[in-house]
Amino acid sequence: MPVNLTEAEFSKHVGSKFLIKLEPQALELELVEVKGYLPQENEQAGMERFSVFFDGPGHARLPQRLYPLEHELMGEFEIFLVPISGDERGFRYEAVFNYFRK
């Protein structure tokens, strides 16, 4: 079971590897940044808003969609990844989180 997908939890694991199980093989992504967003005046209180950024290899550009990720400490979970930059040296992906805190 995964831990809570919060800004604080992801921040503990910057620099670590996450595995995407794709057929016929798996792909490794590295968590390179966690960016929190300050609350805006017109926004409802109690929101958790942040982005996480992953770097992946240049030989495989993942299309925007939901992916199953696995991490040795965070467990298994699904997140929606969007490719935001890259070339043959590597691609960067972003996942945006925006939800009410429990």
PDB file of N, CA and C in Angstrom:
ATOM      1  N   MET A   1       0.850  -1.188   0.000  1.00  0.00           N
ATOM      2  CA  MET A   1       0.000   0.000   0.000  1.00  0.00           C
ATOM      3  C   MET A   1       0.885   1.238   0.000  1.00  0.00           C
ATOM      4  N   PRO A   2       0.584   2.227  -0.857  1.00  0.00           N
ATOM      5  CA  PRO A   2       1.435   3.408  -0.926  1.00  0.00           C
ATOM      6  C   PRO A   2       1.247   4.307   0.284  1.00  0.00           C
ATOM      7  N   VAL A   3       2.262   5.107   0.553  1.00  0.00           N
ATOM      8  CA  VAL A   3       2.140   6.137   1.578  1.00  0.00           C
ATOM      9  C   VAL A   3       1.327   7.276   0.971  1.00  0.00           C
ATOM     10  N   ASN A   4       0.992   8.254   1.782  1.00  0.00           N
ATOM     11  CA  ASN A   4       0.252   9.407   1.269  1.00  0.00           C
ATOM     12  C   ASN A   4       1.105  10.155   0.244  1.00  0.00           C
ATOM     13  N   LEU A   5       0.488  10.533  -0.859  1.00  0.00           N
ATOM     14  CA  LEU A   5       1.197  11.242  -1.925  1.00  0.00           C
ATOM     15  C   LEU A   5       1.118  12.741  -1.645  1.00  0.00           C
ATOM     16  N   THR A   6       1.990  13.202  -0.749  1.00  0.00           N
ATOM     17  CA  THR A   6       2.017  14.597  -0.328  1.00  0.00           C
ATOM     18  C   THR A   6       3.332  15.243  -0.754  1.00  0.00           C
ATOM     19  N   GLU A   7       3.358  16.570  -0.734  1.00  0.00           N
ATOM     20  CA  GLU A   7       4.588  17.298  -1.036  1.00  0.00           C
ATOM     21  C   GLU A   7       5.703  16.894  -0.078  1.00  0.00           C
ATOM     22  N   ALA A   8       5.384  16.781   1.201  1.00  0.00           N
ATOM     23  CA  ALA A   8       6.389  16.408   2.205  1.00  0.00           C
ATOM     24  C   ALA A   8       6.945  15.009   1.941  1.00  0.00           C
ATOM     25  N   GLU A   9       6.077  14.065   1.580  1.00  0.00           N
ATOM     26  CA  GLU A   9       6.538  12.695   1.344  1.00  0.00           C
ATOM     27  C   GLU A   9       7.419  12.614   0.109  1.00  0.00           C
ATOM     28  N   PHE A  10       6.993  13.221  -1.000  1.00  0.00           N
ATOM     29  CA  PHE A  10       7.823  13.204  -2.209  1.00  0.00           C
ATOM     30  C   PHE A  10       9.167  13.892  -1.950  1.00  0.00           C
ATOM     31  N   SER A  11       9.161  14.980  -1.165  1.00  0.00           N
ATOM     32  CA  SER A  11      10.394  15.728  -0.899  1.00  0.00           C
ATOM     33  C   SER A  11      11.455  14.869  -0.218  1.00  0.00           C
ATOM     34  N   LYS A  12      11.028  13.890   0.557  1.00  0.00           N
ATOM     35  CA  LYS A  12      11.974  12.979   1.224  1.00  0.00           C
ATOM     36  C   LYS A  12      12.737  12.108   0.226  1.00  0.00           C
ATOM     37  N   HIS A  13      12.208  11.979  -0.990  1.00  0.00           N
ATOM     38  CA  HIS A  13      12.750  11.004  -1.935  1.00  0.00           C
ATOM     39  C   HIS A  13      13.353  11.620  -3.195  1.00  0.00           C
ATOM     40  N   VAL A  14      13.631  12.941  -3.158  1.00  0.00           N
ATOM     41  CA  VAL A  14      14.300  13.576  -4.294  1.00  0.00           C
ATOM     42  C   VAL A  14      15.654  12.895  -4.488  1.00  0.00           C
ATOM     43  N   GLY A  15      15.959  12.571  -5.729  1.00  0.00           N
ATOM     44  CA  GLY A  15      17.216  11.885  -6.043  1.00  0.00           C
ATOM     45  C   GLY A  15      17.076  10.378  -6.106  1.00  0.00           C
ATOM     46  N   SER A  16      15.917   9.846  -5.742  1.00  0.00           N
ATOM     47  CA  SER A  16      15.737   8.398  -5.772  1.00  0.00           C
ATOM     48  C   SER A  16      15.018   7.967  -7.047  1.00  0.00           C
ATOM     49  N   LYS A  17      15.047   6.673  -7.294  1.00  0.00           N
ATOM     50  CA  LYS A  17      14.516   6.090  -8.526  1.00  0.00           C
ATOM     51  C   LYS A  17      13.102   5.543  -8.319  1.00  0.00           C
ATOM     52  N   PHE A  18      12.285   5.724  -9.352  1.00  0.00           N
ATOM     53  CA  PHE A  18      10.931   5.184  -9.414  1.00  0.00           C
ATOM     54  C   PHE A  18      10.852   4.314 -10.658  1.00  0.00           C
ATOM     55  N   LEU A  19      10.179   3.198 -10.555  1.00  0.00           N
ATOM     56  CA  LEU A  19      10.088   2.249 -11.647  1.00  0.00           C
ATOM     57  C   LEU A  19       8.696   2.277 -12.257  1.00  0.00           C
ATOM     58  N   ILE A  20       8.635   2.386 -13.591  1.00  0.00           N
ATOM     59  CA  ILE A  20       7.380   2.265 -14.320  1.00  0.00           C
ATOM     60  C   ILE A  20       7.407   0.911 -14.994  1.00  0.00           C
ATOM     61  N   LYS A  21       6.430   0.074 -14.675  1.00  0.00           N
ATOM     62  CA  LYS A  21       6.364  -1.254 -15.277  1.00  0.00           C
ATOM     63  C   LYS A  21       5.602  -1.182 -16.591  1.00  0.00           C
ATOM     64  N   LEU A  22       6.337  -1.186 -17.678  1.00  0.00           N
ATOM     65  CA  LEU A  22       5.759  -1.144 -19.012  1.00  0.00           C
ATOM     66  C   LEU A  22       6.031  -2.473 -19.692  1.00  0.00           C
ATOM     67  N   GLU A  23       5.130  -2.876 -20.563  1.00  0.00           N
ATOM     68  CA  GLU A  23       5.369  -4.089 -21.348  1.00  0.00           C
ATOM     69  C   GLU A  23       6.162  -3.709 -22.581  1.00  0.00           C
ATOM     70  N   PRO A  24       7.208  -4.377 -22.937  1.00  0.00           N
ATOM     71  CA  PRO A  24       7.701  -5.627 -22.361  1.00  0.00           C
ATOM     72  C   PRO A  24       8.761  -5.424 -21.282  1.00  0.00           C
ATOM     73  N   GLN A  25       9.078  -4.163 -20.932  1.00  0.00           N
ATOM     74  CA  GLN A  25      10.133  -3.922 -19.950  1.00  0.00           C
ATOM     75  C   GLN A  25       9.727  -2.816 -18.984  1.00  0.00           C
ATOM     76  N   ALA A  26      10.586  -2.551 -18.027  1.00  0.00           N
ATOM     77  CA  ALA A  26      10.353  -1.472 -17.070  1.00  0.00           C
ATOM     78  C   ALA A  26      11.245  -0.285 -17.432  1.00  0.00           C
ATOM     79  N   LEU A  27      10.849   0.894 -16.979  1.00  0.00           N
ATOM     80  CA  LEU A  27      11.605   2.114 -17.244  1.00  0.00           C
ATOM     81  C   LEU A  27      11.838   2.808 -15.907  1.00  0.00           C
ATOM     82  N   GLU A  28      13.053   3.304 -15.711  1.00  0.00           N
ATOM     83  CA  GLU A  28      13.398   3.952 -14.458  1.00  0.00           C
ATOM     84  C   GLU A  28      13.371   5.469 -14.621  1.00  0.00           C
ATOM     85  N   LEU A  29      12.708   6.140 -13.682  1.00  0.00           N
ATOM     86  CA  LEU A  29      12.678   7.595 -13.634  1.00  0.00           C
ATOM     87  C   LEU A  29      13.310   8.052 -12.330  1.00  0.00           C
ATOM     88  N   GLU A  30      13.970   9.206 -12.361  1.00  0.00           N
ATOM     89  CA  GLU A  30      14.546   9.776 -11.145  1.00  0.00           C
ATOM     90  C   GLU A  30      13.748  11.004 -10.741  1.00  0.00           C
ATOM     91  N   LEU A  31      13.338  11.058  -9.485  1.00  0.00           N
ATOM     92  CA  LEU A  31      12.651  12.230  -8.951  1.00  0.00           C
ATOM     93  C   LEU A  31      13.700  13.327  -8.757  1.00  0.00           C
ATOM     94  N   VAL A  32      13.563  14.434  -9.493  1.00  0.00           N
ATOM     95  CA  VAL A  32      14.594  15.474  -9.464  1.00  0.00           C
ATOM     96  C   VAL A  32      14.160  16.762  -8.772  1.00  0.00           C
ATOM     97  N   GLU A  33      12.848  16.977  -8.621  1.00  0.00           N
ATOM     98  CA  GLU A  33      12.394  18.217  -7.992  1.00  0.00           C
ATOM     99  C   GLU A  33      10.966  18.067  -7.490  1.00  0.00           C
ATOM    100  N   VAL A  34      10.693  18.724  -6.370  1.00  0.00           N
ATOM    101  CA  VAL A  34       9.328  18.854  -5.850  1.00  0.00           C
ATOM    102  C   VAL A  34       9.110  20.347  -5.651  1.00  0.00           C
ATOM    103  N   LYS A  35       8.052  20.882  -6.269  1.00  0.00           N
ATOM    104  CA  LYS A  35       7.805  22.329  -6.233  1.00  0.00           C
ATOM    105  C   LYS A  35       6.432  22.596  -5.636  1.00  0.00           C
ATOM    106  N   GLY A  36       6.422  23.231  -4.478  1.00  0.00           N
ATOM    107  CA  GLY A  36       5.165  23.615  -3.842  1.00  0.00           C
ATOM    108  C   GLY A  36       4.664  24.935  -4.385  1.00  0.00           C
ATOM    109  N   TYR A  37       3.345  25.136  -4.320  1.00  0.00           N
ATOM    110  CA  TYR A  37       2.738  26.380  -4.782  1.00  0.00           C
ATOM    111  C   TYR A  37       2.113  27.100  -3.600  1.00  0.00           C
ATOM    112  N   LEU A  38       2.369  28.391  -3.502  1.00  0.00           N
ATOM    113  CA  LEU A  38       1.796  29.187  -2.424  1.00  0.00           C
ATOM    114  C   LEU A  38       0.310  29.389  -2.678  1.00  0.00           C
ATOM    115  N   PRO A  39      -0.484  29.416  -1.601  1.00  0.00           N
ATOM    116  CA  PRO A  39      -1.928  29.648  -1.767  1.00  0.00           C
ATOM    117  C   PRO A  39      -2.182  31.014  -2.389  1.00  0.00           C
ATOM    118  N   GLN A  40      -3.165  31.065  -3.263  1.00  0.00           N
ATOM    119  CA  GLN A  40      -3.572  32.321  -3.895  1.00  0.00           C
ATOM    120  C   GLN A  40      -4.752  32.912  -3.109  1.00  0.00           C
ATOM    121  N   GLU A  41      -4.945  34.231  -3.215  1.00  0.00           N
ATOM    122  CA  GLU A  41      -6.013  34.918  -2.490  1.00  0.00           C
ATOM    123  C   GLU A  41      -7.396  34.352  -2.788  1.00  0.00           C
ATOM    124  N   ASN A  42      -7.642  34.039  -4.046  1.00  0.00           N
ATOM    125  CA  ASN A  42      -8.979  33.617  -4.474  1.00  0.00           C
ATOM    126  C   ASN A  42      -9.199  32.111  -4.404  1.00  0.00           C
ATOM    127  N   GLU A  43      -8.294  31.391  -3.777  1.00  0.00           N
ATOM    128  CA  GLU A  43      -8.380  29.936  -3.742  1.00  0.00           C
ATOM    129  C   GLU A  43      -8.951  29.463  -2.406  1.00  0.00           C
ATOM    130  N   GLN A  44      -9.635  28.342  -2.459  1.00  0.00           N
ATOM    131  CA  GLN A  44     -10.196  27.772  -1.230  1.00  0.00           C
ATOM    132  C   GLN A  44      -9.080  27.350  -0.274  1.00  0.00           C
ATOM    133  N   ALA A  45      -9.316  27.473   1.016  1.00  0.00           N
ATOM    134  CA  ALA A  45      -8.336  27.075   2.020  1.00  0.00           C
ATOM    135  C   ALA A  45      -8.272  25.553   2.105  1.00  0.00           C
ATOM    136  N   GLY A  46      -7.138  25.066   2.585  1.00  0.00           N
ATOM    137  CA  GLY A  46      -6.993  23.629   2.827  1.00  0.00           C
ATOM    138  C   GLY A  46      -6.576  22.813   1.625  1.00  0.00           C
ATOM    139  N   MET A  47      -6.011  23.462   0.617  1.00  0.00           N
ATOM    140  CA  MET A  47      -5.583  22.740  -0.585  1.00  0.00           C
ATOM    141  C   MET A  47      -4.120  22.311  -0.485  1.00  0.00           C
ATOM    142  N   GLU A  48      -3.829  21.141  -0.991  1.00  0.00           N
ATOM    143  CA  GLU A  48      -2.458  20.657  -1.179  1.00  0.00           C
ATOM    144  C   GLU A  48      -2.167  20.828  -2.663  1.00  0.00           C
ATOM    145  N   ARG A  49      -1.191  21.694  -2.997  1.00  0.00           N
ATOM    146  CA  ARG A  49      -0.878  21.984  -4.401  1.00  0.00           C
ATOM    147  C   ARG A  49       0.621  21.922  -4.604  1.00  0.00           C
ATOM    148  N   PHE A  50       1.069  21.005  -5.461  1.00  0.00           N
ATOM    149  CA  PHE A  50       2.492  20.886  -5.757  1.00  0.00           C
ATOM    150  C   PHE A  50       2.688  20.095  -7.043  1.00  0.00           C
ATOM    151  N   SER A  51       3.901  20.191  -7.584  1.00  0.00           N
ATOM    152  CA  SER A  51       4.296  19.402  -8.748  1.00  0.00           C
ATOM    153  C   SER A  51       5.532  18.599  -8.394  1.00  0.00           C
ATOM    154  N   VAL A  52       5.641  17.431  -9.018  1.00  0.00           N
ATOM    155  CA  VAL A  52       6.863  16.628  -8.916  1.00  0.00           C
ATOM    156  C   VAL A  52       7.412  16.463 -10.326  1.00  0.00           C
ATOM    157  N   PHE A  53       8.739  16.467 -10.437  1.00  0.00           N
ATOM    158  CA  PHE A  53       9.412  16.380 -11.730  1.00  0.00           C
ATOM    159  C   PHE A  53      10.341  15.167 -11.741  1.00  0.00           C
ATOM    160  N   PHE A  54      10.237  14.399 -12.799  1.00  0.00           N
ATOM    161  CA  PHE A  54      11.049  13.200 -12.978  1.00  0.00           C
ATOM    162  C   PHE A  54      11.876  13.333 -14.250  1.00  0.00           C
ATOM    163  N   ASP A  55      13.107  12.802 -14.216  1.00  0.00           N
ATOM    164  CA  ASP A  55      13.919  12.683 -15.422  1.00  0.00           C
ATOM    165  C   ASP A  55      13.954  11.225 -15.846  1.00  0.00           C
ATOM    166  N   GLY A  56      13.800  11.003 -17.146  1.00  0.00           N
ATOM    167  CA  GLY A  56      13.838   9.656 -17.705  1.00  0.00           C
ATOM    168  C   GLY A  56      14.821   9.592 -18.857  1.00  0.00           C
ATOM    169  N   PRO A  57      15.070   8.396 -19.360  1.00  0.00           N
ATOM    170  CA  PRO A  57      16.052   8.214 -20.434  1.00  0.00           C
ATOM    171  C   PRO A  57      15.579   8.821 -21.755  1.00  0.00           C
ATOM    172  N   GLY A  58      16.546   9.085 -22.645  1.00  0.00           N
ATOM    173  CA  GLY A  58      16.241   9.687 -23.933  1.00  0.00           C
ATOM    174  C   GLY A  58      15.780   8.716 -24.992  1.00  0.00           C
ATOM    175  N   HIS A  59      15.927   7.441 -24.739  1.00  0.00           N
ATOM    176  CA  HIS A  59      15.550   6.444 -25.758  1.00  0.00           C
ATOM    177  C   HIS A  59      14.055   6.137 -25.766  1.00  0.00           C
ATOM    178  N   ALA A  60      13.313   6.644 -24.765  1.00  0.00           N
ATOM    179  CA  ALA A  60      11.877   6.359 -24.706  1.00  0.00           C
ATOM    180  C   ALA A  60      11.128   7.583 -24.181  1.00  0.00           C
ATOM    181  N   ARG A  61      10.332   8.215 -25.055  1.00  0.00           N
ATOM    182  CA  ARG A  61       9.511   9.353 -24.625  1.00  0.00           C
ATOM    183  C   ARG A  61       8.128   8.807 -24.277  1.00  0.00           C
ATOM    184  N   LEU A  62       7.749   8.974 -23.019  1.00  0.00           N
ATOM    185  CA  LEU A  62       6.444   8.488 -22.567  1.00  0.00           C
ATOM    186  C   LEU A  62       5.362   9.493 -22.939  1.00  0.00           C
ATOM    187  N   PRO A  63       4.258   9.048 -23.536  1.00  0.00           N
ATOM    188  CA  PRO A  63       3.162   9.971 -23.812  1.00  0.00           C
ATOM    189  C   PRO A  63       2.432  10.349 -22.516  1.00  0.00           C
ATOM    190  N   GLN A  64       1.721  11.460 -22.571  1.00  0.00           N
ATOM    191  CA  GLN A  64       0.931  11.934 -21.432  1.00  0.00           C
ATOM    192  C   GLN A  64      -0.152  10.912 -21.104  1.00  0.00           C
ATOM    193  N   ARG A  65      -0.120  10.373 -19.869  1.00  0.00           N
ATOM    194  CA  ARG A  65      -1.168   9.458 -19.431  1.00  0.00           C
ATOM    195  C   ARG A  65      -0.903   9.021 -17.990  1.00  0.00           C
ATOM    196  N   LEU A  66      -1.779   8.179 -17.473  1.00  0.00           N
ATOM    197  CA  LEU A  66      -1.650   7.607 -16.135  1.00  0.00           C
ATOM    198  C   LEU A  66      -0.661   6.443 -16.177  1.00  0.00           C
ATOM    199  N   TYR A  67       0.294   6.414 -15.219  1.00  0.00           N
ATOM    200  CA  TYR A  67       1.301   5.359 -15.168  1.00  0.00           C
ATOM    201  C   TYR A  67       1.363   4.733 -13.775  1.00  0.00           C
ATOM    202  N   PRO A  68       1.597   3.427 -13.718  1.00  0.00           N
ATOM    203  CA  PRO A  68       1.847   2.782 -12.422  1.00  0.00           C
ATOM    204  C   PRO A  68       3.314   2.975 -12.042  1.00  0.00           C
ATOM    205  N   LEU A  69       3.568   3.557 -10.884  1.00  0.00           N
ATOM    206  CA  LEU A  69       4.928   3.753 -10.396  1.00  0.00           C
ATOM    207  C   LEU A  69       5.159   2.888  -9.173  1.00  0.00           C
ATOM    208  N   GLU A  70       6.414   2.512  -8.992  1.00  0.00           N
ATOM    209  CA  GLU A  70       6.807   1.715  -7.829  1.00  0.00           C
ATOM    210  C   GLU A  70       8.077   2.322  -7.242  1.00  0.00           C
ATOM    211  N   HIS A  71       8.082   2.476  -5.919  1.00  0.00           N
ATOM    212  CA  HIS A  71       9.236   3.024  -5.204  1.00  0.00           C
ATOM    213  C   HIS A  71       9.472   2.166  -3.974  1.00  0.00           C
ATOM    214  N   GLU A  72      10.733   1.936  -3.641  1.00  0.00           N
ATOM    215  CA  GLU A  72      11.035   1.014  -2.542  1.00  0.00           C
ATOM    216  C   GLU A  72      10.459   1.452  -1.203  1.00  0.00           C
ATOM    217  N   LEU A  73      10.299   2.753  -0.970  1.00  0.00           N
ATOM    218  CA  LEU A  73       9.759   3.226   0.308  1.00  0.00           C
ATOM    219  C   LEU A  73       8.322   3.743   0.199  1.00  0.00           C
ATOM    220  N   MET A  74       7.957   4.284  -0.966  1.00  0.00           N
ATOM    221  CA  MET A  74       6.609   4.843  -1.129  1.00  0.00           C
ATOM    222  C   MET A  74       5.595   3.806  -1.606  1.00  0.00           C
ATOM    223  N   GLY A  75       6.059   2.673  -2.074  1.00  0.00           N
ATOM    224  CA  GLY A  75       5.157   1.619  -2.517  1.00  0.00           C
ATOM    225  C   GLY A  75       4.732   1.792  -3.963  1.00  0.00           C
ATOM    226  N   GLU A  76       3.572   1.242  -4.302  1.00  0.00           N
ATOM    227  CA  GLU A  76       3.043   1.297  -5.662  1.00  0.00           C
ATOM    228  C   GLU A  76       1.846   2.244  -5.707  1.00  0.00           C
ATOM    229  N   PHE A  77       1.795   3.054  -6.765  1.00  0.00           N
ATOM    230  CA  PHE A  77       0.711   4.010  -6.945  1.00  0.00           C
ATOM    231  C   PHE A  77       0.675   4.430  -8.407  1.00  0.00           C
ATOM    232  N   GLU A  78      -0.418   5.083  -8.801  1.00  0.00           N
ATOM    233  CA  GLU A  78      -0.544   5.592 -10.158  1.00  0.00           C
ATOM    234  C   GLU A  78      -0.566   7.111 -10.128  1.00  0.00           C
ATOM    235  N   ILE A  79       0.155   7.714 -11.094  1.00  0.00           N
ATOM    236  CA  ILE A  79       0.094   9.168 -11.251  1.00  0.00           C
ATOM    237  C   ILE A  79       0.053   9.510 -12.736  1.00  0.00           C
ATOM    238  N   PHE A  80      -0.483  10.689 -13.022  1.00  0.00           N
ATOM    239  CA  PHE A  80      -0.601  11.177 -14.395  1.00  0.00           C
ATOM    240  C   PHE A  80       0.655  11.967 -14.719  1.00  0.00           C
ATOM    241  N   LEU A  81       1.439  11.479 -15.677  1.00  0.00           N
ATOM    242  CA  LEU A  81       2.684  12.131 -16.077  1.00  0.00           C
ATOM    243  C   LEU A  81       2.511  12.837 -17.413  1.00  0.00           C
ATOM    244  N   VAL A  82       3.131  14.018 -17.508  1.00  0.00           N
ATOM    245  CA  VAL A  82       3.112  14.810 -18.733  1.00  0.00           C
ATOM    246  C   VAL A  82       4.559  15.097 -19.129  1.00  0.00           C
ATOM    247  N   PRO A  83       4.958  14.762 -20.374  1.00  0.00           N
ATOM    248  CA  PRO A  83       6.304  15.126 -20.812  1.00  0.00           C
ATOM    249  C   PRO A  83       6.367  16.640 -21.017  1.00  0.00           C
ATOM    250  N   ILE A  84       7.372  17.301 -20.418  1.00  0.00           N
ATOM    251  CA  ILE A  84       7.447  18.763 -20.532  1.00  0.00           C
ATOM    252  C   ILE A  84       8.681  19.234 -21.290  1.00  0.00           C
ATOM    253  N   SER A  85       9.694  18.379 -21.429  1.00  0.00           N
ATOM    254  CA  SER A  85      10.877  18.744 -22.215  1.00  0.00           C
ATOM    255  C   SER A  85      11.691  17.490 -22.466  1.00  0.00           C
ATOM    256  N   GLY A  86      12.645  17.609 -23.391  1.00  0.00           N
ATOM    257  CA  GLY A  86      13.539  16.489 -23.601  1.00  0.00           C
ATOM    258  C   GLY A  86      14.034  16.353 -25.019  1.00  0.00           C
ATOM    259  N   ASP A  87      15.020  15.465 -25.137  1.00  0.00           N
ATOM    260  CA  ASP A  87      15.624  15.117 -26.412  1.00  0.00           C
ATOM    261  C   ASP A  87      16.282  13.755 -26.251  1.00  0.00           C
ATOM    262  N   GLU A  88      17.214  13.417 -27.150  1.00  0.00           N
ATOM    263  CA  GLU A  88      17.840  12.091 -27.086  1.00  0.00           C
ATOM    264  C   GLU A  88      18.664  11.864 -25.823  1.00  0.00           C
ATOM    265  N   ARG A  89      18.986  12.941 -25.091  1.00  0.00           N
ATOM    266  CA  ARG A  89      19.747  12.795 -23.834  1.00  0.00           C
ATOM    267  C   ARG A  89      18.846  12.443 -22.654  1.00  0.00           C
ATOM    268  N   GLY A  90      17.556  12.757 -22.769  1.00  0.00           N
ATOM    269  CA  GLY A  90      16.636  12.448 -21.681  1.00  0.00           C
ATOM    270  C   GLY A  90      15.384  13.303 -21.740  1.00  0.00           C
ATOM    271  N   PHE A  91      14.341  12.837 -21.054  1.00  0.00           N
ATOM    272  CA  PHE A  91      13.066  13.548 -21.011  1.00  0.00           C
ATOM    273  C   PHE A  91      12.710  13.887 -19.576  1.00  0.00           C
ATOM    274  N   ARG A  92      12.026  15.027 -19.405  1.00  0.00           N
ATOM    275  CA  ARG A  92      11.533  15.442 -18.091  1.00  0.00           C
ATOM    276  C   ARG A  92      10.007  15.351 -18.103  1.00  0.00           C
ATOM    277  N   TYR A  93       9.479  14.847 -16.988  1.00  0.00           N
ATOM    278  CA  TYR A  93       8.040  14.653 -16.831  1.00  0.00           C
ATOM    279  C   TYR A  93       7.567  15.387 -15.584  1.00  0.00           C
ATOM    280  N   GLU A  94       6.319  15.857 -15.628  1.00  0.00           N
ATOM    281  CA  GLU A  94       5.731  16.544 -14.489  1.00  0.00           C
ATOM    282  C   GLU A  94       4.421  15.862 -14.112  1.00  0.00           C
ATOM    283  N   ALA A  95       4.195  15.759 -12.808  1.00  0.00           N
ATOM    284  CA  ALA A  95       2.903  15.331 -12.267  1.00  0.00           C
ATOM    285  C   ALA A  95       2.431  16.446 -11.335  1.00  0.00           C
ATOM    286  N   VAL A  96       1.207  16.905 -11.539  1.00  0.00           N
ATOM    287  CA  VAL A  96       0.646  18.004 -10.748  1.00  0.00           C
ATOM    288  C   VAL A  96      -0.368  17.437  -9.762  1.00  0.00           C
ATOM    289  N   PHE A  97      -0.263  17.850  -8.519  1.00  0.00           N
ATOM    290  CA  PHE A  97      -1.188  17.426  -7.463  1.00  0.00           C
ATOM    291  C   PHE A  97      -1.946  18.646  -6.971  1.00  0.00           C
ATOM    292  N   ASN A  98      -3.255  18.521  -6.870  1.00  0.00           N
ATOM    293  CA  ASN A  98      -4.112  19.615  -6.434  1.00  0.00           C
ATOM    294  C   ASN A  98      -5.347  18.991  -5.801  1.00  0.00           C
ATOM    295  N   TYR A  99      -5.386  18.930  -4.478  1.00  0.00           N
ATOM    296  CA  TYR A  99      -6.499  18.285  -3.785  1.00  0.00           C
ATOM    297  C   TYR A  99      -6.660  18.863  -2.380  1.00  0.00           C
ATOM    298  N   PHE A 100      -7.808  18.604  -1.771  1.00  0.00           N
ATOM    299  CA  PHE A 100      -8.049  19.044  -0.397  1.00  0.00           C
ATOM    300  C   PHE A 100      -7.313  18.145   0.579  1.00  0.00           C
ATOM    301  N   ARG A 101      -6.640  18.775   1.548  1.00  0.00           N
ATOM    302  CA  ARG A 101      -5.967  17.996   2.611  1.00  0.00           C
ATOM    303  C   ARG A 101      -7.020  17.304   3.452  1.00  0.00           C
ATOM    304  N   LYS A 102      -6.643  16.140   3.976  1.00  0.00           N
ATOM    305  CA  LYS A 102      -7.567  15.398   4.830  1.00  0.00           C
ATOM    306  C   LYS A 102      -7.573  15.958   6.228  1.00  0.00           C
TER     307      LYS A 102
END
